[in-house]
Amino acid sequence: MYPQPGPYGSPSGSPYGPVPPLPGPRPSTMAHVRLVQFAAAAIVAVQGILSVIFTADSGRNGPYLSTAATGELIGTVIQVGLIVTVAIQSHNGINAWRIVGTICASVTIVTALFSLTGRSMFFGTRLYGGTDGYAVVQMLLAGLLAAAAITAIVMWWTREVNRWFEGWSRVRRYAAATGLQVPPVH
């Protein structure tokens, strides 16, 4: 059980200094960030499904997906899994996942902005095969994904959320140093 601070800030005989107070309730911003991240995961899933549909080799490989479609499917599953993991872990006050999420969201913004041009940022080739309608839908989804990533970054780094993450970081460091269990995040 996590100790409560004594009258002088430290439980009797603790060599680790004063017990940090538990942070206050989770900021409402964190609930909004989690919803934005789940929406981003849904956008990535829709993009992946559309890419698999439009990169499938219409029967050339028999009942099997083409290599490009298989790669797209695997990449989509990894992206959705990472977004959901970041959403859950950052919602639990783990600052490292907020940092991972910020880095991933930044990369998403850059790649989404390049895909809005319809060109690949790596090879300068046409990014979307298939019909022009497919390209427009993918560009719209890329724009929505960039907007979700920007929103998540801004909301993660507000003053109120920073204080909350700092408080949980102090509690986790103290718990690790003393061998105590970290209390649940509320």
Protein backbone atom coordinates (compact mmCIF):
# COMPACT_ATOMS: atom_id res chain seq x y z
CA MET A 1 0.00 0.00 0.00
CA TYR A 2 1.23 3.46 -0.84
CA PRO A 3 2.03 5.38 2.39
CA GLN A 4 0.40 8.66 3.21
CA PRO A 5 2.67 11.58 4.06
CA GLY A 6 3.28 11.98 7.78
CA PRO A 7 3.05 15.26 9.70
CA TYR A 8 6.54 16.19 8.53
CA GLY A 9 6.17 14.94 4.95
CA SER A 10 7.89 11.57 5.41
CA PRO A 11 6.82 8.31 7.01
CA SER A 12 8.87 7.49 10.07
CA GLY A 13 12.36 6.31 9.18
CA SER A 14 12.05 6.55 5.36
CA PRO A 15 15.52 6.99 3.81
CA TYR A 16 13.94 8.05 0.50
CA GLY A 17 12.75 11.44 1.61
CA PRO A 18 9.21 12.70 1.76
CA VAL A 19 6.40 10.73 0.22
CA PRO A 20 5.18 12.59 -2.86
CA PRO A 21 1.47 13.34 -2.69
CA LEU A 22 -0.82 11.54 -5.09
CA PRO A 23 -1.73 13.73 -8.06
CA GLY A 24 -5.25 15.03 -8.22
CA PRO A 25 -7.90 13.55 -10.45
CA ARG A 26 -7.13 12.89 -14.09
CA PRO A 27 -7.61 16.10 -16.11
CA SER A 28 -10.65 16.03 -18.38
CA THR A 29 -8.27 16.78 -21.25
CA MET A 30 -6.90 13.25 -20.95
CA ALA A 31 -10.33 11.76 -21.70
CA HIS A 32 -10.55 13.96 -24.80
CA VAL A 33 -7.06 12.93 -25.93
CA ARG A 34 -8.00 9.27 -25.58
CA LEU A 35 -11.08 9.80 -27.76
CA VAL A 36 -8.99 11.61 -30.37
CA GLN A 37 -6.53 8.71 -30.37
CA PHE A 38 -9.28 6.13 -30.79
CA ALA A 39 -10.64 8.19 -33.69
CA ALA A 40 -7.12 8.25 -35.20
CA ALA A 41 -6.91 4.46 -34.84
CA ALA A 42 -10.24 4.16 -36.68
CA ILE A 43 -8.97 6.44 -39.47
CA VAL A 44 -5.81 4.34 -39.83
CA ALA A 45 -7.92 1.16 -39.94
CA VAL A 46 -10.15 2.60 -42.69
CA GLN A 47 -7.07 3.73 -44.65
CA GLY A 48 -5.56 0.28 -44.31
CA ILE A 49 -8.74 -1.51 -45.41
CA LEU A 50 -9.07 0.75 -48.45
CA SER A 51 -5.40 0.21 -49.32
CA VAL A 52 -5.77 -3.57 -49.06
CA ILE A 53 -8.85 -3.45 -51.29
CA PHE A 54 -7.17 -1.28 -53.91
CA THR A 55 -3.77 -3.02 -53.86
CA ALA A 56 -5.16 -6.56 -54.08
CA ASP A 57 -4.25 -8.23 -57.34
CA SER A 58 -7.83 -8.94 -58.44
CA GLY A 59 -7.40 -12.69 -58.74
CA ARG A 60 -3.81 -12.93 -60.04
CA ASN A 61 -2.65 -14.64 -56.84
CA GLY A 62 -5.72 -16.81 -56.50
CA PRO A 63 -7.28 -16.57 -53.04
CA TYR A 64 -4.15 -14.97 -51.56
CA LEU A 65 -3.35 -11.30 -51.02
CA SER A 66 -0.56 -9.69 -52.97
CA THR A 67 2.68 -8.86 -51.20
CA ALA A 68 1.78 -5.16 -51.19
CA ALA A 69 -1.66 -5.84 -49.72
CA THR A 70 -0.19 -8.16 -47.06
CA GLY A 71 2.38 -5.52 -46.12
CA GLU A 72 -0.35 -2.90 -45.92
CA LEU A 73 -2.44 -5.15 -43.68
CA ILE A 74 0.48 -5.87 -41.32
CA GLY A 75 1.41 -2.18 -41.18
CA THR A 76 -2.16 -1.21 -40.38
CA VAL A 77 -2.40 -3.71 -37.53
CA ILE A 78 0.88 -2.44 -36.06
CA GLN A 79 -0.20 1.22 -36.35
CA VAL A 80 -3.61 0.64 -34.79
CA GLY A 81 -2.04 -1.42 -31.98
CA LEU A 82 0.51 1.30 -31.25
CA ILE A 83 -2.10 4.07 -31.21
CA VAL A 84 -4.37 2.12 -28.85
CA THR A 85 -1.44 1.21 -26.57
CA VAL A 86 -0.33 4.85 -26.37
CA ALA A 87 -3.92 5.92 -25.64
CA ILE A 88 -4.31 3.45 -22.78
CA GLN A 89 -0.87 3.89 -21.23
CA SER A 90 -0.82 7.68 -21.39
CA HIS A 91 -4.33 7.72 -19.92
CA ASN A 92 -2.83 5.79 -16.97
CA GLY A 93 -0.32 8.57 -16.34
CA ILE A 94 2.79 6.92 -17.82
CA ASN A 95 4.84 9.82 -19.18
CA ALA A 96 7.08 7.67 -21.38
CA TRP A 97 4.05 6.69 -23.46
CA ARG A 98 3.07 10.34 -23.83
CA ILE A 99 6.54 10.96 -25.27
CA VAL A 100 6.28 7.94 -27.59
CA GLY A 101 2.87 9.18 -28.68
CA THR A 102 4.22 12.66 -29.36
CA ILE A 103 7.03 11.28 -31.53
CA CYS A 104 4.67 8.99 -33.45
CA ALA A 105 2.12 11.79 -33.90
CA SER A 106 4.87 14.09 -35.22
CA VAL A 107 5.91 11.49 -37.80
CA THR A 108 2.24 11.02 -38.68
CA ILE A 109 1.84 14.74 -39.30
CA VAL A 110 4.83 14.85 -41.65
CA THR A 111 3.79 11.76 -43.62
CA ALA A 112 0.14 12.87 -43.76
CA LEU A 113 1.12 16.28 -45.11
CA PHE A 114 3.21 14.63 -47.81
CA SER A 115 0.37 12.27 -48.68
CA LEU A 116 -1.94 15.28 -49.09
CA THR A 117 0.13 16.13 -52.16
CA GLY A 118 -0.50 12.66 -53.59
CA ARG A 119 3.24 11.99 -53.81
CA SER A 120 5.47 9.75 -51.74
CA MET A 121 7.94 11.64 -49.56
CA PHE A 122 10.57 8.95 -50.14
CA PHE A 123 10.45 8.30 -53.86
CA GLY A 124 8.52 11.21 -55.38
CA THR A 125 6.24 8.76 -57.16
CA ARG A 126 2.47 8.81 -57.38
CA LEU A 127 1.27 7.60 -54.00
CA TYR A 128 -2.21 6.36 -54.78
CA GLY A 129 -3.00 3.84 -57.47
CA GLY A 130 -6.49 3.13 -58.60
CA THR A 131 -9.21 5.64 -59.27
CA ASP A 132 -9.06 9.35 -58.58
CA GLY A 133 -11.93 8.94 -56.11
CA TYR A 134 -9.76 6.59 -54.05
CA ALA A 135 -6.96 9.16 -54.04
CA VAL A 136 -9.32 11.90 -52.85
CA VAL A 137 -10.67 9.71 -50.03
CA GLN A 138 -7.15 8.77 -48.92
CA MET A 139 -6.09 12.43 -48.96
CA LEU A 140 -9.14 13.41 -46.87
CA LEU A 141 -8.37 10.64 -44.38
CA ALA A 142 -4.73 11.77 -44.26
CA GLY A 143 -5.87 15.31 -43.50
CA LEU A 144 -8.13 14.07 -40.70
CA LEU A 145 -5.30 11.96 -39.32
CA ALA A 146 -2.94 14.96 -39.33
CA ALA A 147 -5.58 17.03 -37.53
CA ALA A 148 -6.03 14.29 -34.91
CA ALA A 149 -2.26 14.05 -34.38
CA ILE A 150 -1.90 17.81 -33.96
CA THR A 151 -4.85 17.85 -31.53
CA ALA A 152 -3.35 15.03 -29.45
CA ILE A 153 0.05 16.75 -29.21
CA VAL A 154 -1.45 20.07 -28.18
CA MET A 155 -3.71 18.47 -25.58
CA TRP A 156 -0.92 16.27 -24.14
CA TRP A 157 1.31 19.23 -23.42
CA THR A 158 -1.09 21.66 -21.74
CA ARG A 159 -0.06 23.00 -18.34
CA GLU A 160 -2.73 21.05 -16.43
CA VAL A 161 -1.79 17.74 -18.08
CA ASN A 162 1.94 18.41 -17.56
CA ARG A 163 1.40 18.85 -13.83
CA TRP A 164 -0.62 15.65 -13.67
CA PHE A 165 2.07 13.63 -15.50
CA GLU A 166 4.82 15.16 -13.33
CA GLY A 167 2.91 14.13 -10.20
CA TRP A 168 2.57 10.55 -11.40
CA SER A 169 6.24 10.46 -12.41
CA ARG A 170 7.23 11.45 -8.85
CA VAL A 171 4.92 8.79 -7.38
CA ARG A 172 6.30 6.10 -9.74
CA ARG A 173 9.93 7.01 -8.94
CA TYR A 174 9.24 6.87 -5.19
CA ALA A 175 7.40 3.56 -5.53
CA ALA A 176 10.26 2.08 -7.58
CA ALA A 177 12.87 3.24 -5.06
CA THR A 178 10.98 1.86 -2.08
CA GLY A 179 9.59 -1.28 -3.70
CA LEU A 180 6.03 -0.16 -3.12
CA GLN A 181 3.20 -0.80 -5.51
CA VAL A 182 2.03 2.20 -7.55
CA PRO A 183 -1.52 3.14 -6.60
CA PRO A 184 -4.18 3.05 -9.33
CA VAL A 185 -4.74 6.17 -11.41
CA HIS A 186 -8.14 7.79 -10.90
